[in-house]
Amino acid sequence: MKSKIMIVDDEEHIRELVRFYLDKEGFECIQAANGEQAIEIVENQYIDLAIVDIMMPGMDGFTLVEEMRQYREFPVIMLTAKSQSKDKLKGFSLGVDDYVTKPFDPEELLARVKAILKRYSINSSNIVEIGDVVFDGDKYEVRYLDETIHLPLKQFELAFELAKHPNQIFTREQLIEKIWGMDYDGFDRTVDVHVKRIRENLKGLPGFKFVTVRGVGYKLEVE
């Protein structure tokens, strides 16, 4: 699946310039002209990385990063005309991964995007342990003590995605996009069916439960 990059900048020509270079490298790009649009995107779509301008009308980049962190964690590159150390320090204190000052070299920005995504990929373990339960993303199996449970592929991928982000709420749309892809046009309640079967297949395992968040989606709640 292509990595999805969100470009947030109030200047359209900047967004288009960044999109042009990212598109050439096979990334999927989505644009937001302000913080409010960006928040709406994060609420409804799965983002792998965001490139965020600081100086925007209304909600500035710093505030936007704080707001986005309420939904989920993903890498952020700050794109700004400011170069003062205090602005960089503020960005890094919010968990920003990199900082690029305008005017910038698009090829350099592209290299930074690739490096950060590679680093996140390396740091993303394929083993998730919750108490005595192990979700093994290499073998596509769930282990508890001496018991090994093999789930159907999509059930495992869905359970593994939730297990990687314990207590984080995902909408059905986010899960469909992440597990089945953007082109999926099947039954819109397929997530509900899969979660029901996951609960049945993993019934009795201790330390967690798959929780329905009414009107929103699901999360794996660690007990």
N, C-alpha and C. Protein backbone atom coordinates (compact mmCIF):
# COMPACT_ATOMS: atom_id res chain seq x y z
N MET A 1 0.84 -1.19 0.00
CA MET A 1 0.00 0.00 0.00
C MET A 1 0.88 1.25 0.00
N LYS A 2 0.51 2.25 -0.79
CA LYS A 2 1.28 3.49 -0.83
C LYS A 2 1.20 4.21 0.50
N SER A 3 2.31 4.84 0.89
CA SER A 3 2.27 5.69 2.07
C SER A 3 1.49 6.95 1.74
N LYS A 4 0.63 7.37 2.67
CA LYS A 4 -0.20 8.55 2.44
C LYS A 4 0.39 9.74 3.19
N ILE A 5 0.67 10.80 2.44
CA ILE A 5 1.28 12.00 3.00
C ILE A 5 0.25 13.13 2.97
N MET A 6 0.05 13.79 4.10
CA MET A 6 -0.83 14.95 4.15
C MET A 6 0.02 16.22 4.12
N ILE A 7 -0.30 17.12 3.19
CA ILE A 7 0.42 18.38 3.03
C ILE A 7 -0.50 19.50 3.52
N VAL A 8 -0.07 20.21 4.57
CA VAL A 8 -0.91 21.26 5.15
C VAL A 8 -0.19 22.60 5.01
N ASP A 9 -0.72 23.47 4.15
CA ASP A 9 -0.13 24.78 3.92
C ASP A 9 -1.19 25.67 3.30
N ASP A 10 -1.26 26.93 3.73
CA ASP A 10 -2.28 27.82 3.19
C ASP A 10 -1.91 28.36 1.80
N GLU A 11 -0.69 28.10 1.34
CA GLU A 11 -0.27 28.53 0.01
C GLU A 11 -0.40 27.37 -0.96
N GLU A 12 -1.30 27.52 -1.93
CA GLU A 12 -1.59 26.43 -2.84
C GLU A 12 -0.37 26.04 -3.67
N HIS A 13 0.42 27.02 -4.10
CA HIS A 13 1.57 26.67 -4.95
C HIS A 13 2.60 25.85 -4.18
N ILE A 14 2.71 26.07 -2.87
CA ILE A 14 3.61 25.26 -2.06
C ILE A 14 3.08 23.83 -1.98
N ARG A 15 1.78 23.69 -1.74
CA ARG A 15 1.19 22.35 -1.66
C ARG A 15 1.39 21.60 -2.97
N GLU A 16 1.17 22.29 -4.08
CA GLU A 16 1.29 21.64 -5.39
C GLU A 16 2.73 21.26 -5.70
N LEU A 17 3.68 22.10 -5.29
CA LEU A 17 5.09 21.80 -5.51
C LEU A 17 5.48 20.52 -4.75
N VAL A 18 5.09 20.46 -3.48
CA VAL A 18 5.42 19.29 -2.67
C VAL A 18 4.72 18.05 -3.23
N ARG A 19 3.43 18.21 -3.60
CA ARG A 19 2.68 17.08 -4.16
C ARG A 19 3.33 16.55 -5.43
N PHE A 20 3.81 17.44 -6.29
CA PHE A 20 4.43 17.04 -7.56
C PHE A 20 5.61 16.10 -7.31
N TYR A 21 6.47 16.47 -6.39
CA TYR A 21 7.66 15.65 -6.12
C TYR A 21 7.31 14.34 -5.41
N LEU A 22 6.34 14.38 -4.52
CA LEU A 22 5.93 13.16 -3.82
C LEU A 22 5.22 12.20 -4.77
N ASP A 23 4.38 12.75 -5.64
CA ASP A 23 3.68 11.91 -6.62
C ASP A 23 4.65 11.15 -7.50
N LYS A 24 5.71 11.82 -7.92
CA LYS A 24 6.71 11.19 -8.78
C LYS A 24 7.34 9.97 -8.14
N GLU A 25 7.41 9.98 -6.80
CA GLU A 25 8.03 8.88 -6.06
C GLU A 25 7.01 7.83 -5.61
N GLY A 26 5.78 7.99 -6.06
CA GLY A 26 4.77 6.97 -5.77
C GLY A 26 4.01 7.14 -4.48
N PHE A 27 4.16 8.27 -3.81
CA PHE A 27 3.40 8.51 -2.59
C PHE A 27 1.98 8.97 -2.94
N GLU A 28 1.06 8.69 -2.06
CA GLU A 28 -0.31 9.20 -2.20
C GLU A 28 -0.42 10.47 -1.37
N CYS A 29 -0.86 11.54 -2.00
CA CYS A 29 -0.89 12.84 -1.31
C CYS A 29 -2.32 13.32 -1.11
N ILE A 30 -2.53 13.97 0.01
CA ILE A 30 -3.80 14.63 0.29
C ILE A 30 -3.48 16.00 0.86
N GLN A 31 -4.24 17.01 0.45
CA GLN A 31 -3.90 18.38 0.80
C GLN A 31 -4.93 19.00 1.73
N ALA A 32 -4.44 19.90 2.57
CA ALA A 32 -5.30 20.70 3.45
C ALA A 32 -4.79 22.13 3.43
N ALA A 33 -5.70 23.09 3.29
CA ALA A 33 -5.31 24.50 3.20
C ALA A 33 -5.23 25.16 4.57
N ASN A 34 -5.70 24.47 5.59
CA ASN A 34 -5.66 25.05 6.94
C ASN A 34 -5.78 23.93 7.98
N GLY A 35 -5.65 24.30 9.24
CA GLY A 35 -5.68 23.32 10.32
C GLY A 35 -7.00 22.60 10.44
N GLU A 36 -8.10 23.32 10.23
CA GLU A 36 -9.42 22.71 10.36
C GLU A 36 -9.60 21.59 9.33
N GLN A 37 -9.18 21.84 8.08
CA GLN A 37 -9.28 20.80 7.06
C GLN A 37 -8.40 19.60 7.42
N ALA A 38 -7.22 19.90 7.97
CA ALA A 38 -6.29 18.82 8.34
C ALA A 38 -6.90 17.93 9.42
N ILE A 39 -7.52 18.54 10.43
CA ILE A 39 -8.14 17.76 11.50
C ILE A 39 -9.24 16.87 10.95
N GLU A 40 -10.03 17.38 10.04
CA GLU A 40 -11.10 16.59 9.44
C GLU A 40 -10.54 15.38 8.70
N ILE A 41 -9.41 15.58 8.02
CA ILE A 41 -8.77 14.48 7.30
C ILE A 41 -8.29 13.42 8.29
N VAL A 42 -7.61 13.86 9.34
CA VAL A 42 -7.07 12.92 10.33
C VAL A 42 -8.19 12.14 11.02
N GLU A 43 -9.34 12.78 11.20
CA GLU A 43 -10.47 12.11 11.83
C GLU A 43 -10.99 10.96 10.97
N ASN A 44 -10.85 11.09 9.64
CA ASN A 44 -11.51 10.16 8.74
C ASN A 44 -10.59 9.32 7.88
N GLN A 45 -9.29 9.60 7.89
CA GLN A 45 -8.38 8.86 7.04
C GLN A 45 -7.13 8.47 7.81
N TYR A 46 -6.45 7.44 7.31
CA TYR A 46 -5.21 6.98 7.92
C TYR A 46 -4.05 7.70 7.25
N ILE A 47 -3.26 8.43 8.01
CA ILE A 47 -2.13 9.22 7.49
C ILE A 47 -0.83 8.59 7.96
N ASP A 48 0.13 8.46 7.05
CA ASP A 48 1.44 7.92 7.41
C ASP A 48 2.43 9.01 7.83
N LEU A 49 2.28 10.21 7.27
CA LEU A 49 3.18 11.32 7.59
C LEU A 49 2.50 12.62 7.20
N ALA A 50 2.77 13.68 7.94
CA ALA A 50 2.23 15.00 7.62
C ALA A 50 3.35 16.01 7.47
N ILE A 51 3.22 16.87 6.45
CA ILE A 51 4.11 18.01 6.26
C ILE A 51 3.29 19.24 6.59
N VAL A 52 3.67 19.96 7.63
CA VAL A 52 2.81 21.01 8.19
C VAL A 52 3.53 22.35 8.21
N ASP A 53 2.89 23.37 7.63
CA ASP A 53 3.40 24.74 7.71
C ASP A 53 3.05 25.32 9.09
N ILE A 54 3.94 26.14 9.62
CA ILE A 54 3.65 26.76 10.93
C ILE A 54 2.73 27.96 10.78
N MET A 55 3.09 28.89 9.89
CA MET A 55 2.37 30.16 9.78
C MET A 55 1.16 30.02 8.89
N MET A 56 0.01 29.70 9.50
CA MET A 56 -1.25 29.60 8.78
C MET A 56 -2.30 30.43 9.50
N PRO A 57 -3.24 31.00 8.76
CA PRO A 57 -4.32 31.76 9.41
C PRO A 57 -5.19 30.84 10.27
N GLY A 58 -5.71 31.38 11.35
CA GLY A 58 -6.54 30.56 12.24
C GLY A 58 -5.66 29.69 13.11
N MET A 59 -5.72 28.41 12.89
CA MET A 59 -4.94 27.45 13.67
C MET A 59 -3.52 27.36 13.11
N ASP A 60 -2.52 27.69 13.93
CA ASP A 60 -1.15 27.60 13.42
C ASP A 60 -0.65 26.15 13.48
N GLY A 61 0.54 25.93 12.92
CA GLY A 61 1.06 24.57 12.83
C GLY A 61 1.30 23.91 14.17
N PHE A 62 1.77 24.68 15.15
CA PHE A 62 2.02 24.11 16.47
C PHE A 62 0.72 23.59 17.09
N THR A 63 -0.31 24.42 17.02
CA THR A 63 -1.61 24.02 17.58
C THR A 63 -2.16 22.81 16.84
N LEU A 64 -1.98 22.80 15.52
CA LEU A 64 -2.46 21.68 14.72
C LEU A 64 -1.80 20.38 15.15
N VAL A 65 -0.49 20.40 15.35
CA VAL A 65 0.21 19.19 15.77
C VAL A 65 -0.34 18.69 17.11
N GLU A 66 -0.57 19.60 18.04
CA GLU A 66 -1.14 19.21 19.34
C GLU A 66 -2.51 18.58 19.17
N GLU A 67 -3.33 19.16 18.29
CA GLU A 67 -4.67 18.63 18.06
C GLU A 67 -4.60 17.25 17.41
N MET A 68 -3.71 17.08 16.42
CA MET A 68 -3.61 15.80 15.72
C MET A 68 -3.17 14.70 16.66
N ARG A 69 -2.34 15.03 17.64
CA ARG A 69 -1.85 14.03 18.59
C ARG A 69 -2.98 13.46 19.44
N GLN A 70 -4.14 14.14 19.47
CA GLN A 70 -5.29 13.63 20.22
C GLN A 70 -5.92 12.44 19.50
N TYR A 71 -5.63 12.32 18.21
CA TYR A 71 -6.24 11.24 17.41
C TYR A 71 -5.30 10.05 17.27
N ARG A 72 -4.08 10.28 16.81
CA ARG A 72 -3.12 9.20 16.70
C ARG A 72 -1.74 9.78 16.45
N GLU A 73 -0.73 8.92 16.60
CA GLU A 73 0.65 9.32 16.41
C GLU A 73 1.10 8.99 14.99
N PHE A 74 1.71 9.94 14.32
CA PHE A 74 2.38 9.69 13.04
C PHE A 74 3.44 10.77 12.88
N PRO A 75 4.47 10.52 12.08
CA PRO A 75 5.57 11.48 11.96
C PRO A 75 5.13 12.79 11.31
N VAL A 76 5.76 13.90 11.73
CA VAL A 76 5.44 15.23 11.23
C VAL A 76 6.72 15.96 10.86
N ILE A 77 6.72 16.58 9.67
CA ILE A 77 7.79 17.49 9.27
C ILE A 77 7.20 18.89 9.26
N MET A 78 7.82 19.82 9.98
CA MET A 78 7.38 21.20 9.99
C MET A 78 8.03 21.95 8.84
N LEU A 79 7.21 22.64 8.08
CA LEU A 79 7.66 23.42 6.93
C LEU A 79 7.34 24.88 7.21
N THR A 80 8.38 25.72 7.29
CA THR A 80 8.12 27.08 7.76
C THR A 80 9.13 28.07 7.25
N ALA A 81 8.74 29.33 7.25
CA ALA A 81 9.66 30.41 6.89
C ALA A 81 10.51 30.81 8.06
N LYS A 82 10.14 30.37 9.25
CA LYS A 82 10.88 30.74 10.45
C LYS A 82 12.09 29.83 10.64
N SER A 83 13.17 30.39 11.12
CA SER A 83 14.36 29.58 11.34
C SER A 83 14.92 29.76 12.74
N GLN A 84 14.21 30.50 13.59
CA GLN A 84 14.70 30.73 14.94
C GLN A 84 14.75 29.43 15.74
N SER A 85 15.77 29.32 16.57
CA SER A 85 15.96 28.11 17.37
C SER A 85 14.76 27.83 18.27
N LYS A 86 14.15 28.90 18.80
CA LYS A 86 13.04 28.70 19.73
C LYS A 86 11.86 28.02 19.04
N ASP A 87 11.65 28.32 17.75
CA ASP A 87 10.56 27.67 17.03
C ASP A 87 10.86 26.20 16.80
N LYS A 88 12.12 25.89 16.49
CA LYS A 88 12.50 24.50 16.32
C LYS A 88 12.35 23.73 17.63
N LEU A 89 12.78 24.34 18.71
CA LEU A 89 12.67 23.69 20.01
C LEU A 89 11.22 23.41 20.37
N LYS A 90 10.36 24.37 20.07
CA LYS A 90 8.93 24.18 20.36
C LYS A 90 8.38 23.02 19.54
N GLY A 91 8.76 22.98 18.26
CA GLY A 91 8.30 21.89 17.41
C GLY A 91 8.77 20.54 17.90
N PHE A 92 10.05 20.43 18.23
CA PHE A 92 10.59 19.16 18.69
C PHE A 92 9.97 18.74 20.02
N SER A 93 9.63 19.73 20.86
CA SER A 93 9.00 19.40 22.15
C SER A 93 7.61 18.81 21.96
N LEU A 94 7.00 19.09 20.80
CA LEU A 94 5.67 18.53 20.49
C LEU A 94 5.78 17.17 19.80
N GLY A 95 7.01 16.72 19.59
CA GLY A 95 7.20 15.43 18.95
C GLY A 95 7.38 15.52 17.45
N VAL A 96 7.64 16.73 16.93
CA VAL A 96 7.89 16.89 15.49
C VAL A 96 9.19 16.16 15.15
N ASP A 97 9.21 15.49 13.99
CA ASP A 97 10.35 14.66 13.62
C ASP A 97 11.44 15.40 12.86
N ASP A 98 11.05 16.43 12.11
CA ASP A 98 12.05 17.17 11.34
C ASP A 98 11.53 18.56 11.06
N TYR A 99 12.42 19.41 10.57
CA TYR A 99 12.14 20.83 10.44
C TYR A 99 12.80 21.32 9.16
N VAL A 100 12.03 21.85 8.21
CA VAL A 100 12.57 22.34 6.94
C VAL A 100 12.16 23.80 6.78
N THR A 101 13.15 24.65 6.49
CA THR A 101 12.91 26.09 6.39
C THR A 101 12.71 26.52 4.95
N LYS A 102 11.66 27.32 4.70
CA LYS A 102 11.45 27.90 3.37
C LYS A 102 12.45 29.04 3.13
N PRO A 103 12.90 29.23 1.90
CA PRO A 103 12.67 28.38 0.72
C PRO A 103 13.44 27.07 0.84
N PHE A 104 12.89 26.00 0.33
CA PHE A 104 13.49 24.69 0.52
C PHE A 104 13.73 24.01 -0.82
N ASP A 105 14.61 23.04 -0.80
CA ASP A 105 14.90 22.21 -1.96
C ASP A 105 13.94 21.02 -1.93
N PRO A 106 13.03 20.89 -2.90
CA PRO A 106 12.06 19.79 -2.88
C PRO A 106 12.71 18.41 -2.81
N GLU A 107 13.87 18.27 -3.45
CA GLU A 107 14.56 16.97 -3.41
C GLU A 107 15.03 16.65 -1.99
N GLU A 108 15.47 17.68 -1.27
CA GLU A 108 15.89 17.47 0.11
C GLU A 108 14.70 17.09 0.98
N LEU A 109 13.58 17.77 0.78
CA LEU A 109 12.38 17.45 1.53
C LEU A 109 11.96 16.01 1.25
N LEU A 110 12.02 15.60 -0.01
CA LEU A 110 11.67 14.23 -0.39
C LEU A 110 12.58 13.23 0.32
N ALA A 111 13.87 13.54 0.36
CA ALA A 111 14.82 12.65 1.03
C ALA A 111 14.50 12.53 2.52
N ARG A 112 14.09 13.64 3.13
CA ARG A 112 13.75 13.62 4.55
C ARG A 112 12.49 12.78 4.79
N VAL A 113 11.51 12.91 3.89
CA VAL A 113 10.29 12.11 4.00
C VAL A 113 10.62 10.62 3.95
N LYS A 114 11.44 10.23 2.99
CA LYS A 114 11.81 8.82 2.84
C LYS A 114 12.56 8.31 4.07
N ALA A 115 13.48 9.13 4.58
CA ALA A 115 14.28 8.71 5.73
C ALA A 115 13.41 8.51 6.96
N ILE A 116 12.47 9.42 7.17
CA ILE A 116 11.60 9.31 8.35
C ILE A 116 10.68 8.10 8.24
N LEU A 117 10.10 7.88 7.06
CA LEU A 117 9.23 6.73 6.88
C LEU A 117 9.99 5.43 7.05
N LYS A 118 11.23 5.39 6.57
CA LYS A 118 12.06 4.20 6.74
C LYS A 118 12.36 3.96 8.22
N ARG A 119 12.68 5.05 8.93
CA ARG A 119 12.98 4.92 10.35
C ARG A 119 11.77 4.42 11.12
N TYR A 120 10.60 4.95 10.80
CA TYR A 120 9.39 4.50 11.48
C TYR A 120 9.10 3.04 11.17
N SER A 121 9.38 2.64 9.93
CA SER A 121 9.15 1.25 9.53
C SER A 121 10.07 0.32 10.30
N ILE A 122 11.34 0.70 10.44
CA ILE A 122 12.31 -0.11 11.18
C ILE A 122 11.91 -0.22 12.64
N ASN A 123 11.42 0.90 13.18
CA ASN A 123 11.09 0.93 14.61
C ASN A 123 9.75 0.27 14.92
N SER A 124 8.99 -0.04 13.88
CA SER A 124 7.69 -0.66 14.08
C SER A 124 7.87 -2.17 14.20
N SER A 125 7.84 -2.66 15.41
CA SER A 125 8.08 -4.09 15.63
C SER A 125 6.91 -4.91 15.10
N ASN A 126 7.24 -6.10 14.60
CA ASN A 126 6.21 -7.02 14.15
C ASN A 126 5.75 -7.94 15.27
N ILE A 127 6.22 -7.67 16.47
CA ILE A 127 5.79 -8.45 17.63
C ILE A 127 5.14 -7.49 18.63
N VAL A 128 3.91 -7.81 19.01
CA VAL A 128 3.22 -7.01 20.03
C VAL A 128 2.87 -7.95 21.19
N GLU A 129 3.30 -7.58 22.38
CA GLU A 129 3.01 -8.37 23.57
C GLU A 129 2.09 -7.61 24.50
N ILE A 130 1.01 -8.26 24.87
CA ILE A 130 0.09 -7.70 25.86
C ILE A 130 -0.05 -8.75 26.95
N GLY A 131 0.67 -8.51 28.04
CA GLY A 131 0.72 -9.53 29.09
C GLY A 131 1.37 -10.79 28.56
N ASP A 132 0.66 -11.91 28.68
CA ASP A 132 1.18 -13.21 28.20
C ASP A 132 0.74 -13.52 26.77
N VAL A 133 0.04 -12.59 26.15
CA VAL A 133 -0.44 -12.80 24.78
C VAL A 133 0.49 -12.12 23.80
N VAL A 134 0.89 -12.85 22.76
CA VAL A 134 1.80 -12.33 21.74
C VAL A 134 1.10 -12.31 20.39
N PHE A 135 1.07 -11.14 19.75
CA PHE A 135 0.60 -11.01 18.38
C PHE A 135 1.85 -10.99 17.49
N ASP A 136 2.04 -12.03 16.70
CA ASP A 136 3.25 -12.18 15.89
C ASP A 136 2.94 -11.81 14.44
N GLY A 137 3.41 -10.61 14.03
CA GLY A 137 3.14 -10.13 12.68
C GLY A 137 3.99 -10.79 11.61
N ASP A 138 5.02 -11.52 12.00
CA ASP A 138 5.84 -12.26 11.03
C ASP A 138 5.21 -13.61 10.68
N LYS A 139 4.67 -14.27 11.71
CA LYS A 139 4.08 -15.59 11.50
C LYS A 139 2.55 -15.54 11.35
N TYR A 140 1.97 -14.34 11.54
CA TYR A 140 0.52 -14.17 11.44
C TYR A 140 -0.20 -15.12 12.40
N GLU A 141 0.22 -15.08 13.66
CA GLU A 141 -0.41 -15.94 14.65
C GLU A 141 -0.46 -15.25 16.00
N VAL A 142 -1.37 -15.71 16.83
CA VAL A 142 -1.51 -15.21 18.20
C VAL A 142 -1.12 -16.35 19.14
N ARG A 143 -0.25 -16.05 20.10
CA ARG A 143 0.21 -17.09 21.04
C ARG A 143 -0.13 -16.70 22.48
N TYR A 144 -0.56 -17.70 23.22
CA TYR A 144 -0.82 -17.50 24.65
C TYR A 144 -0.31 -18.74 25.39
N LEU A 145 0.75 -18.56 26.17
CA LEU A 145 1.40 -19.68 26.86
C LEU A 145 1.77 -20.75 25.82
N ASP A 146 1.21 -21.95 25.90
CA ASP A 146 1.55 -23.01 24.96
C ASP A 146 0.54 -23.12 23.81
N GLU A 147 -0.39 -22.19 23.75
CA GLU A 147 -1.44 -22.25 22.73
C GLU A 147 -1.11 -21.30 21.58
N THR A 148 -1.32 -21.76 20.35
CA THR A 148 -1.14 -20.93 19.16
C THR A 148 -2.46 -20.86 18.42
N ILE A 149 -2.87 -19.64 18.11
CA ILE A 149 -4.15 -19.42 17.42
C ILE A 149 -3.87 -18.80 16.06
N HIS A 150 -4.36 -19.45 15.01
CA HIS A 150 -4.21 -18.94 13.66
C HIS A 150 -5.55 -18.34 13.21
N LEU A 151 -5.56 -17.03 13.04
CA LEU A 151 -6.76 -16.34 12.57
C LEU A 151 -6.72 -16.23 11.05
N PRO A 152 -7.87 -16.15 10.39
CA PRO A 152 -7.88 -15.80 8.97
C PRO A 152 -7.13 -14.49 8.75
N LEU A 153 -6.54 -14.31 7.58
CA LEU A 153 -5.62 -13.21 7.33
C LEU A 153 -6.18 -11.85 7.72
N LYS A 154 -7.36 -11.50 7.23
CA LYS A 154 -7.91 -10.17 7.50
C LYS A 154 -8.26 -10.00 8.97
N GLN A 155 -8.69 -11.07 9.61
CA GLN A 155 -8.94 -10.98 11.06
C GLN A 155 -7.65 -10.68 11.80
N PHE A 156 -6.57 -11.38 11.42
CA PHE A 156 -5.30 -11.13 12.10
C PHE A 156 -4.82 -9.72 11.84
N GLU A 157 -4.87 -9.26 10.59
CA GLU A 157 -4.39 -7.92 10.27
C GLU A 157 -5.16 -6.86 11.05
N LEU A 158 -6.47 -7.06 11.18
CA LEU A 158 -7.29 -6.10 11.93
C LEU A 158 -6.95 -6.15 13.42
N ALA A 159 -6.84 -7.34 13.98
CA ALA A 159 -6.50 -7.47 15.40
C ALA A 159 -5.11 -6.92 15.67
N PHE A 160 -4.17 -7.17 14.77
CA PHE A 160 -2.79 -6.72 14.94
C PHE A 160 -2.70 -5.20 14.88
N GLU A 161 -3.46 -4.59 13.99
CA GLU A 161 -3.45 -3.13 13.88
C GLU A 161 -3.97 -2.50 15.16
N LEU A 162 -5.03 -3.04 15.72
CA LEU A 162 -5.56 -2.51 16.97
C LEU A 162 -4.60 -2.78 18.13
N ALA A 163 -3.94 -3.95 18.11
CA ALA A 163 -3.02 -4.29 19.20
C ALA A 163 -1.78 -3.40 19.19
N LYS A 164 -1.37 -2.94 18.01
CA LYS A 164 -0.20 -2.06 17.92
C LYS A 164 -0.47 -0.70 18.55
N HIS A 165 -1.75 -0.35 18.68
CA HIS A 165 -2.12 0.96 19.20
C HIS A 165 -3.15 0.78 20.33
N PRO A 166 -2.75 0.17 21.44
CA PRO A 166 -3.71 -0.11 22.52
C PRO A 166 -4.37 1.16 23.04
N ASN A 167 -5.67 1.05 23.27
CA ASN A 167 -6.51 2.13 23.80
C ASN A 167 -6.74 3.28 22.81
N GLN A 168 -6.26 3.14 21.58
CA GLN A 168 -6.49 4.18 20.58
C GLN A 168 -7.73 3.84 19.77
N ILE A 169 -8.60 4.82 19.58
CA ILE A 169 -9.85 4.60 18.85
C ILE A 169 -9.61 4.76 17.35
N PHE A 170 -10.11 3.79 16.59
CA PHE A 170 -10.07 3.86 15.13
C PHE A 170 -11.51 3.87 14.61
N THR A 171 -11.79 4.73 13.64
CA THR A 171 -13.09 4.68 12.99
C THR A 171 -13.13 3.48 12.05
N ARG A 172 -14.33 3.08 11.67
CA ARG A 172 -14.46 1.98 10.71
C ARG A 172 -13.78 2.34 9.39
N GLU A 173 -13.93 3.61 9.00
CA GLU A 173 -13.33 4.04 7.73
C GLU A 173 -11.81 3.93 7.77
N GLN A 174 -11.20 4.31 8.90
CA GLN A 174 -9.75 4.21 9.03
C GLN A 174 -9.29 2.76 8.95
N LEU A 175 -10.04 1.87 9.59
CA LEU A 175 -9.66 0.46 9.58
C LEU A 175 -9.84 -0.17 8.21
N ILE A 176 -10.92 0.19 7.53
CA ILE A 176 -11.13 -0.33 6.18
C ILE A 176 -10.01 0.13 5.26
N GLU A 177 -9.65 1.40 5.36
CA GLU A 177 -8.58 1.94 4.50
C GLU A 177 -7.26 1.26 4.81
N LYS A 178 -6.97 1.03 6.08
CA LYS A 178 -5.70 0.44 6.48
C LYS A 178 -5.61 -1.03 6.11
N ILE A 179 -6.68 -1.78 6.31
CA ILE A 179 -6.64 -3.24 6.13
C ILE A 179 -7.06 -3.66 4.72
N TRP A 180 -8.11 -3.03 4.20
CA TRP A 180 -8.63 -3.44 2.89
C TRP A 180 -8.21 -2.51 1.75
N GLY A 181 -7.78 -1.29 2.08
CA GLY A 181 -7.31 -0.38 1.05
C GLY A 181 -8.38 0.59 0.57
N MET A 182 -7.90 1.65 -0.08
CA MET A 182 -8.78 2.73 -0.54
C MET A 182 -9.81 2.27 -1.55
N ASP A 183 -9.47 1.24 -2.33
CA ASP A 183 -10.35 0.82 -3.43
C ASP A 183 -11.44 -0.14 -2.98
N TYR A 184 -11.46 -0.48 -1.70
CA TYR A 184 -12.47 -1.42 -1.21
C TYR A 184 -13.86 -0.82 -1.35
N ASP A 185 -14.76 -1.57 -1.99
CA ASP A 185 -16.13 -1.06 -2.17
C ASP A 185 -17.16 -2.11 -1.75
N GLY A 186 -16.77 -2.96 -0.81
CA GLY A 186 -17.67 -4.01 -0.35
C GLY A 186 -18.57 -3.55 0.78
N PHE A 187 -19.01 -4.52 1.55
CA PHE A 187 -19.95 -4.31 2.65
C PHE A 187 -19.36 -3.35 3.67
N ASP A 188 -20.06 -2.23 3.94
CA ASP A 188 -19.48 -1.20 4.80
C ASP A 188 -19.46 -1.58 6.28
N ARG A 189 -20.08 -2.72 6.62
CA ARG A 189 -20.04 -3.19 8.01
C ARG A 189 -19.10 -4.39 8.15
N THR A 190 -18.22 -4.55 7.20
CA THR A 190 -17.30 -5.69 7.25
C THR A 190 -16.43 -5.65 8.49
N VAL A 191 -16.07 -4.45 8.97
CA VAL A 191 -15.26 -4.35 10.18
C VAL A 191 -16.02 -4.94 11.37
N ASP A 192 -17.32 -4.64 11.46
CA ASP A 192 -18.13 -5.16 12.56
C ASP A 192 -18.12 -6.69 12.56
N VAL A 193 -18.28 -7.27 11.36
CA VAL A 193 -18.31 -8.73 11.24
C VAL A 193 -16.97 -9.33 11.66
N HIS A 194 -15.88 -8.72 11.20
CA HIS A 194 -14.56 -9.24 11.53
C HIS A 194 -14.25 -9.11 13.03
N VAL A 195 -14.63 -7.99 13.63
CA VAL A 195 -14.39 -7.83 15.07
C VAL A 195 -15.18 -8.87 15.86
N LYS A 196 -16.40 -9.13 15.44
CA LYS A 196 -17.21 -10.15 16.12
C LYS A 196 -16.52 -11.50 16.07
N ARG A 197 -15.96 -11.85 14.91
CA ARG A 197 -15.29 -13.15 14.76
C ARG A 197 -13.97 -13.18 15.53
N ILE A 198 -13.27 -12.04 15.56
CA ILE A 198 -12.04 -11.97 16.36
C ILE A 198 -12.34 -12.23 17.82
N ARG A 199 -13.40 -11.61 18.31
CA ARG A 199 -13.79 -11.81 19.71
C ARG A 199 -14.08 -13.28 19.99
N GLU A 200 -14.75 -13.93 19.05
CA GLU A 200 -15.07 -15.34 19.22
C GLU A 200 -13.81 -16.20 19.22
N ASN A 201 -12.89 -15.91 18.30
CA ASN A 201 -11.68 -16.72 18.15
C ASN A 201 -10.66 -16.49 19.27
N LEU A 202 -10.67 -15.29 19.86
CA LEU A 202 -9.71 -14.97 20.92
C LEU A 202 -10.38 -14.94 22.30
N LYS A 203 -11.57 -15.48 22.36
CA LYS A 203 -12.32 -15.47 23.62
C LYS A 203 -11.53 -16.18 24.71
N GLY A 204 -11.46 -15.55 25.87
CA GLY A 204 -10.78 -16.16 27.00
C GLY A 204 -9.34 -15.72 27.19
N LEU A 205 -8.76 -15.05 26.19
CA LEU A 205 -7.40 -14.57 26.36
C LEU A 205 -7.41 -13.38 27.32
N PRO A 206 -6.47 -13.34 28.27
CA PRO A 206 -6.52 -12.31 29.32
C PRO A 206 -5.79 -11.03 28.93
N GLY A 207 -6.14 -9.94 29.63
CA GLY A 207 -5.35 -8.71 29.55
C GLY A 207 -5.87 -7.65 28.61
N PHE A 208 -6.84 -7.99 27.78
CA PHE A 208 -7.34 -6.99 26.82
C PHE A 208 -8.73 -7.41 26.33
N LYS A 209 -9.40 -6.46 25.70
CA LYS A 209 -10.66 -6.77 25.04
C LYS A 209 -10.87 -5.78 23.91
N PHE A 210 -11.57 -6.23 22.88
CA PHE A 210 -11.90 -5.38 21.74
C PHE A 210 -13.21 -4.67 22.05
N VAL A 211 -13.13 -3.35 22.14
CA VAL A 211 -14.24 -2.54 22.62
C VAL A 211 -14.87 -1.76 21.47
N THR A 212 -16.20 -1.78 21.42
CA THR A 212 -16.94 -0.96 20.46
C THR A 212 -17.14 0.43 21.05
N VAL A 213 -16.72 1.45 20.33
CA VAL A 213 -16.95 2.83 20.74
C VAL A 213 -18.16 3.31 19.94
N ARG A 214 -19.27 3.41 20.60
CA ARG A 214 -20.55 3.64 19.93
C ARG A 214 -20.50 4.89 19.04
N GLY A 215 -20.90 4.71 17.81
CA GLY A 215 -20.97 5.82 16.86
C GLY A 215 -19.64 6.21 16.25
N VAL A 216 -18.56 5.51 16.65
CA VAL A 216 -17.23 5.88 16.16
C VAL A 216 -16.55 4.68 15.51
N GLY A 217 -16.20 3.67 16.31
CA GLY A 217 -15.47 2.54 15.76
C GLY A 217 -15.04 1.59 16.85
N TYR A 218 -13.72 1.25 16.88
CA TYR A 218 -13.24 0.24 17.80
C TYR A 218 -11.88 0.61 18.40
N LYS A 219 -11.57 -0.06 19.50
CA LYS A 219 -10.23 0.03 20.08
C LYS A 219 -9.95 -1.26 20.81
N LEU A 220 -8.65 -1.56 21.00
CA LEU A 220 -8.26 -2.66 21.85
C LEU A 220 -7.92 -2.06 23.20
N GLU A 221 -8.71 -2.40 24.19
CA GLU A 221 -8.55 -1.82 25.52
C GLU A 221 -7.75 -2.79 26.39
N VAL A 222 -6.64 -2.28 26.90
CA VAL A 222 -5.80 -3.08 27.79
C VAL A 222 -6.35 -2.99 29.20
N GLU A 223 -6.59 -4.13 29.81
CA GLU A 223 -7.21 -4.16 31.13
C GLU A 223 -6.16 -4.02 32.23
